[in-house]
Amino acid sequence: MVLEKAGTVDVRGIPINNVNLDEALEAVAEFVSTDTLHMVVTPNAEIVQMCVEQPELADLIRTADLIIPDGVGVVLASKILGRPVKCKTPGCELGERICAAAGSRGFRVFFLGGKPGIAELAEEKLHEKYPDFATVGHHDGYFKKEGEESDAVIAEINAAEPDILFVCLGVPAQEKWIAANREKFTTVRAALGLGGSLDSYAGTVKRAPKIFIRLGLEWFYRLIKQPSRIGRMMKLPKFLFGTLWYKISGKDKKNRR
């Protein structure tokens, strides 16, 4: 299997699968061929820092079947620790790869999340880009995540019979919802927590220009566009400096024994 060959890299207690986009796509395809649901999570530096600060979230993230390095901060941290992952593997791009391959591979995809109308617009835009792609259903993210409303959404998903589910509810709500309900799905074999990806696909939130992405400065572009994100962005230097101290102090070696 792809994941067995790729191995994992421990980044602050989170076992990151050392995969590129092609390998991550193949892992999802392997999940689809099984008879159980697999959870896919996409932690960036901010999310790994949340895991450092919230052990219960770290425990949840570690239950995922595929954990990809979504963000340059995770890549830098792995280098600081002396066991680098091969590359950044953004969840948003993995989701688009899945949509691009859906027609030829027979993937049945359901979009869950975003404001009303966003999932439909995302499907429309992706269909323009990849004519063979169409979801088997979609639902916005405005529902109670427990109780009857949640069960009704799950029933709608099951009726559509997708094998891949994009869950775009934000971290950690999306991971908690997948984990809490994984036994309720009848056909879903890969449930991906993809944050704001639907907004990106719909074009309502623009990704950084390619030059920013290539230089690992996508976070800086977001900060320029949304200065109010400064509080969240401060988690990146906090995470990197914390990782450097984690290495220097010997805690890394101690926790890996």
Protein backbone atom coordinates (compact mmCIF):
# COMPACT_ATOMS: atom_id res chain seq x y z
CA MET A 1 0.00 0.00 0.00
CA VAL A 2 1.03 3.60 -0.65
CA LEU A 3 1.02 4.66 2.99
CA GLU A 4 3.11 1.72 4.15
CA LYS A 5 5.79 2.60 1.60
CA ALA A 6 5.71 6.32 2.42
CA GLY A 7 5.98 5.97 6.18
CA THR A 8 5.30 8.71 8.73
CA VAL A 9 7.22 11.59 10.26
CA ASP A 10 6.55 12.57 13.86
CA VAL A 11 5.99 16.33 14.10
CA ARG A 12 5.31 17.39 17.69
CA GLY A 13 3.48 14.15 18.41
CA ILE A 14 1.47 14.05 15.18
CA PRO A 15 2.40 11.20 12.78
CA ILE A 16 2.43 12.99 9.43
CA ASN A 17 2.20 10.69 6.40
CA ASN A 18 5.21 11.47 4.20
CA VAL A 19 3.25 11.69 0.95
CA ASN A 20 3.05 14.03 -2.03
CA LEU A 21 -0.22 14.83 -3.80
CA ASP A 22 -0.02 11.88 -6.19
CA GLU A 23 0.58 9.46 -3.32
CA ALA A 24 -2.18 11.01 -1.22
CA LEU A 25 -4.59 10.60 -4.15
CA GLU A 26 -3.59 6.95 -4.51
CA ALA A 27 -4.13 6.42 -0.78
CA VAL A 28 -7.66 7.82 -1.10
CA ALA A 29 -8.27 5.54 -4.09
CA GLU A 30 -7.15 2.59 -1.96
CA PHE A 31 -9.56 3.66 0.79
CA VAL A 32 -12.40 3.71 -1.74
CA SER A 33 -11.72 0.07 -2.61
CA THR A 34 -12.26 -1.05 1.00
CA ASP A 35 -15.44 -1.64 3.00
CA THR A 36 -14.79 0.78 5.89
CA LEU A 37 -14.68 4.56 6.34
CA HIS A 38 -11.25 6.22 6.53
CA MET A 39 -10.71 9.71 7.95
CA VAL A 40 -8.33 12.11 6.19
CA VAL A 41 -7.06 15.21 8.01
CA THR A 42 -4.97 18.09 6.73
CA PRO A 43 -3.06 19.77 9.58
CA ASN A 44 -1.07 22.93 8.96
CA ALA A 45 1.19 24.61 11.54
CA GLU A 46 -1.76 26.31 13.23
CA ILE A 47 -3.57 23.00 13.67
CA VAL A 48 -0.49 21.14 14.93
CA GLN A 49 0.04 23.97 17.44
CA MET A 50 -3.58 23.51 18.52
CA CYS A 51 -2.77 19.82 19.04
CA VAL A 52 0.24 20.77 21.20
CA GLU A 53 -2.01 22.96 23.34
CA GLN A 54 -5.03 20.62 23.35
CA PRO A 55 -4.07 16.96 23.98
CA GLU A 56 -7.64 15.80 23.33
CA LEU A 57 -7.47 17.26 19.80
CA ALA A 58 -4.10 15.60 19.24
CA ASP A 59 -5.62 12.27 20.27
CA LEU A 60 -8.43 12.79 17.76
CA ILE A 61 -6.10 13.76 14.91
CA ARG A 62 -3.96 10.69 15.56
CA THR A 63 -6.99 8.45 14.90
CA ALA A 64 -7.04 9.57 11.25
CA ASP A 65 -6.03 7.11 8.54
CA LEU A 66 -4.24 9.74 6.44
CA ILE A 67 -2.58 12.86 7.89
CA ILE A 68 -1.05 15.07 5.22
CA PRO A 69 1.39 17.99 5.72
CA ASP A 70 -0.85 20.90 4.75
CA GLY A 71 1.37 23.93 5.02
CA VAL A 72 4.94 25.16 4.83
CA GLY A 73 5.08 25.44 8.62
CA VAL A 74 4.77 21.67 9.03
CA VAL A 75 7.48 21.16 6.40
CA LEU A 76 9.82 23.61 8.19
CA ALA A 77 9.14 21.99 11.55
CA SER A 78 10.02 18.56 10.15
CA LYS A 79 13.33 19.99 8.92
CA ILE A 80 14.05 21.56 12.32
CA LEU A 81 13.49 18.13 13.88
CA GLY A 82 15.92 16.55 11.43
CA ARG A 83 13.45 14.24 9.68
CA PRO A 84 11.98 16.26 6.82
CA VAL A 85 8.81 15.37 4.96
CA LYS A 86 9.30 15.38 1.19
CA CYS A 87 6.97 18.30 0.44
CA LYS A 88 3.92 20.32 1.38
CA THR A 89 0.69 18.51 0.47
CA PRO A 90 -2.23 20.96 0.66
CA GLY A 91 -5.64 19.52 1.43
CA CYS A 92 -7.32 21.97 -0.93
CA GLU A 93 -5.19 20.67 -3.80
CA LEU A 94 -5.79 17.04 -2.84
CA GLY A 95 -9.53 17.71 -2.95
CA GLU A 96 -9.22 19.19 -6.43
CA ARG A 97 -7.11 16.23 -7.57
CA ILE A 98 -9.90 13.94 -6.43
CA CYS A 99 -12.47 15.96 -8.39
CA ALA A 100 -10.24 15.97 -11.48
CA ALA A 101 -9.90 12.19 -11.30
CA ALA A 102 -13.52 11.48 -10.37
CA GLY A 103 -14.72 10.88 -13.94
CA SER A 104 -11.99 8.46 -14.96
CA ARG A 105 -11.84 6.64 -11.62
CA GLY A 106 -15.54 6.55 -10.91
CA PHE A 107 -15.30 8.48 -7.64
CA ARG A 108 -18.70 9.51 -6.25
CA VAL A 109 -18.19 12.72 -4.27
CA PHE A 110 -20.48 14.60 -1.84
CA PHE A 111 -19.76 18.18 -0.73
CA LEU A 112 -20.68 19.14 2.84
CA GLY A 113 -20.06 22.60 4.26
CA GLY A 114 -19.90 26.30 3.49
CA LYS A 115 -22.65 28.87 3.39
CA PRO A 116 -25.86 28.07 1.48
CA GLY A 117 -25.10 28.04 -2.24
CA ILE A 118 -21.33 27.67 -1.90
CA ALA A 119 -21.22 23.90 -2.47
CA GLU A 120 -23.36 24.23 -5.61
CA LEU A 121 -21.15 27.03 -6.93
CA ALA A 122 -18.03 24.99 -6.16
CA GLU A 123 -19.43 22.07 -8.15
CA GLU A 124 -20.31 24.38 -11.04
CA LYS A 125 -16.82 25.89 -11.17
CA LEU A 126 -15.12 22.50 -10.92
CA HIS A 127 -17.37 21.09 -13.63
CA GLU A 128 -16.28 23.93 -15.93
CA LYS A 129 -12.67 22.97 -15.23
CA TYR A 130 -13.19 19.20 -15.26
CA PRO A 131 -16.19 18.37 -17.50
CA ASP A 132 -16.38 14.78 -16.26
CA PHE A 133 -16.87 15.89 -12.66
CA ALA A 134 -20.16 16.24 -10.84
CA THR A 135 -21.01 15.59 -7.21
CA VAL A 136 -23.70 13.13 -6.24
CA GLY A 137 -24.97 15.66 -3.71
CA HIS A 138 -24.20 18.64 -1.51
CA HIS A 139 -25.37 20.27 1.70
CA ASP A 140 -24.34 23.49 3.42
CA GLY A 141 -22.62 23.55 6.79
CA TYR A 142 -25.45 25.30 8.64
CA PHE A 143 -26.90 22.47 10.71
CA LYS A 144 -26.61 21.34 14.33
CA LYS A 145 -23.70 18.93 14.54
CA GLU A 146 -25.52 16.63 16.97
CA GLY A 147 -29.01 15.20 17.22
CA GLU A 148 -31.79 15.08 14.65
CA GLU A 149 -30.38 17.69 12.25
CA SER A 150 -27.06 15.92 12.04
CA ASP A 151 -28.75 12.54 11.57
CA ALA A 152 -30.90 13.99 8.79
CA VAL A 153 -27.80 15.24 6.96
CA ILE A 154 -26.17 11.81 7.33
CA ALA A 155 -29.34 10.17 5.95
CA GLU A 156 -29.18 12.53 2.95
CA ILE A 157 -25.54 11.63 2.37
CA ASN A 158 -26.25 7.91 2.64
CA ALA A 159 -29.13 8.21 0.17
CA ALA A 160 -26.76 9.78 -2.39
CA GLU A 161 -24.34 6.83 -1.97
CA PRO A 162 -21.01 8.69 -2.25
CA ASP A 163 -17.75 6.92 -1.59
CA ILE A 164 -15.86 10.19 -0.89
CA LEU A 165 -17.14 12.93 1.42
CA PHE A 166 -15.65 16.42 1.64
CA VAL A 167 -16.40 17.80 5.12
CA CYS A 168 -15.73 21.54 5.17
CA LEU A 169 -16.84 22.68 8.61
CA GLY A 170 -13.57 24.09 9.95
CA VAL A 171 -11.15 22.65 12.49
CA PRO A 172 -11.85 20.97 14.85
CA ALA A 173 -15.60 20.75 14.17
CA GLN A 174 -15.16 18.74 10.97
CA GLU A 175 -12.83 16.17 12.53
CA LYS A 176 -15.04 15.77 15.59
CA TRP A 177 -18.12 15.31 13.41
CA ILE A 178 -16.48 12.68 11.20
CA ALA A 179 -15.13 10.76 14.20
CA ALA A 180 -18.43 10.89 16.07
CA ASN A 181 -20.45 9.62 13.11
CA ARG A 182 -18.11 7.34 11.19
CA GLU A 183 -20.17 4.24 12.03
CA LYS A 184 -23.34 5.82 10.63
CA PHE A 185 -22.21 6.10 7.01
CA THR A 186 -23.14 3.25 4.68
CA THR A 187 -21.10 3.93 1.53
CA VAL A 188 -18.54 6.62 2.43
CA ARG A 189 -15.03 5.17 2.37
CA ALA A 190 -12.99 8.39 2.62
CA ALA A 191 -14.12 11.40 4.65
CA LEU A 192 -11.80 14.39 4.24
CA GLY A 193 -11.71 17.40 6.55
CA LEU A 194 -11.01 20.20 4.08
CA GLY A 195 -11.78 23.43 5.94
CA GLY A 196 -12.45 26.32 3.56
CA SER A 197 -11.79 24.40 0.35
CA LEU A 198 -15.32 24.79 -0.99
CA ASP A 199 -14.97 28.59 -0.83
CA SER A 200 -11.74 28.29 -2.79
CA TYR A 201 -13.32 26.03 -5.42
CA ALA A 202 -16.31 28.37 -5.68
CA GLY A 203 -14.01 31.36 -6.17
CA THR A 204 -15.48 33.32 -3.26
CA VAL A 205 -12.10 33.16 -1.48
CA LYS A 206 -9.05 33.51 -3.70
CA ARG A 207 -5.95 31.41 -3.13
CA ALA A 208 -2.61 33.18 -3.16
CA PRO A 209 -0.89 33.78 -6.52
CA LYS A 210 1.38 30.92 -7.59
CA ILE A 211 4.55 32.89 -6.76
CA PHE A 212 3.45 33.19 -3.10
CA ILE A 213 2.58 29.48 -2.99
CA ARG A 214 5.90 28.50 -4.58
CA LEU A 215 7.86 30.61 -2.07
CA GLY A 216 5.91 29.25 0.88
CA LEU A 217 4.35 32.64 1.56
CA GLU A 218 0.68 31.79 1.12
CA TRP A 219 0.16 32.65 4.80
CA PHE A 220 1.60 36.14 4.16
CA TYR A 221 -0.76 36.72 1.23
CA ARG A 222 -3.71 35.77 3.42
CA LEU A 223 -2.50 38.19 6.08
CA ILE A 224 -2.27 41.02 3.51
CA LYS A 225 -5.80 40.28 2.32
CA GLN A 226 -7.18 39.78 5.84
CA PRO A 227 -5.18 41.73 8.46
CA SER A 228 -7.67 40.51 11.07
CA ARG A 229 -6.00 37.07 10.79
CA ILE A 230 -2.91 38.39 12.61
CA GLY A 231 -3.87 36.59 15.83
CA ARG A 232 -4.15 33.25 14.05
CA MET A 233 -0.99 33.87 12.03
CA MET A 234 1.03 34.35 15.21
CA LYS A 235 0.62 30.63 15.81
CA LEU A 236 3.10 29.99 12.98
CA PRO A 237 6.16 31.65 14.63
CA LYS A 238 5.00 30.30 17.99
CA PHE A 239 4.90 26.80 16.51
CA LEU A 240 8.29 27.09 14.80
CA PHE A 241 10.09 28.61 17.80
CA GLY A 242 8.41 26.06 20.02
CA THR A 243 9.60 23.28 17.74
CA LEU A 244 13.15 24.63 17.82
CA TRP A 245 13.09 24.64 21.64
CA TYR A 246 11.47 21.19 21.60
CA LYS A 247 14.49 19.97 19.61
CA ILE A 248 17.19 21.84 21.57
CA SER A 249 15.81 20.88 24.98
CA GLY A 250 15.86 17.19 24.15
CA LYS A 251 12.10 16.75 24.54
CA ASP A 252 11.91 15.41 21.00
CA LYS A 253 14.25 12.49 21.77
CA LYS A 254 12.60 11.85 25.12
CA ASN A 255 9.09 11.66 23.64
CA ARG A 256 10.19 9.35 20.84
CA ARG A 257 11.62 6.70 23.19
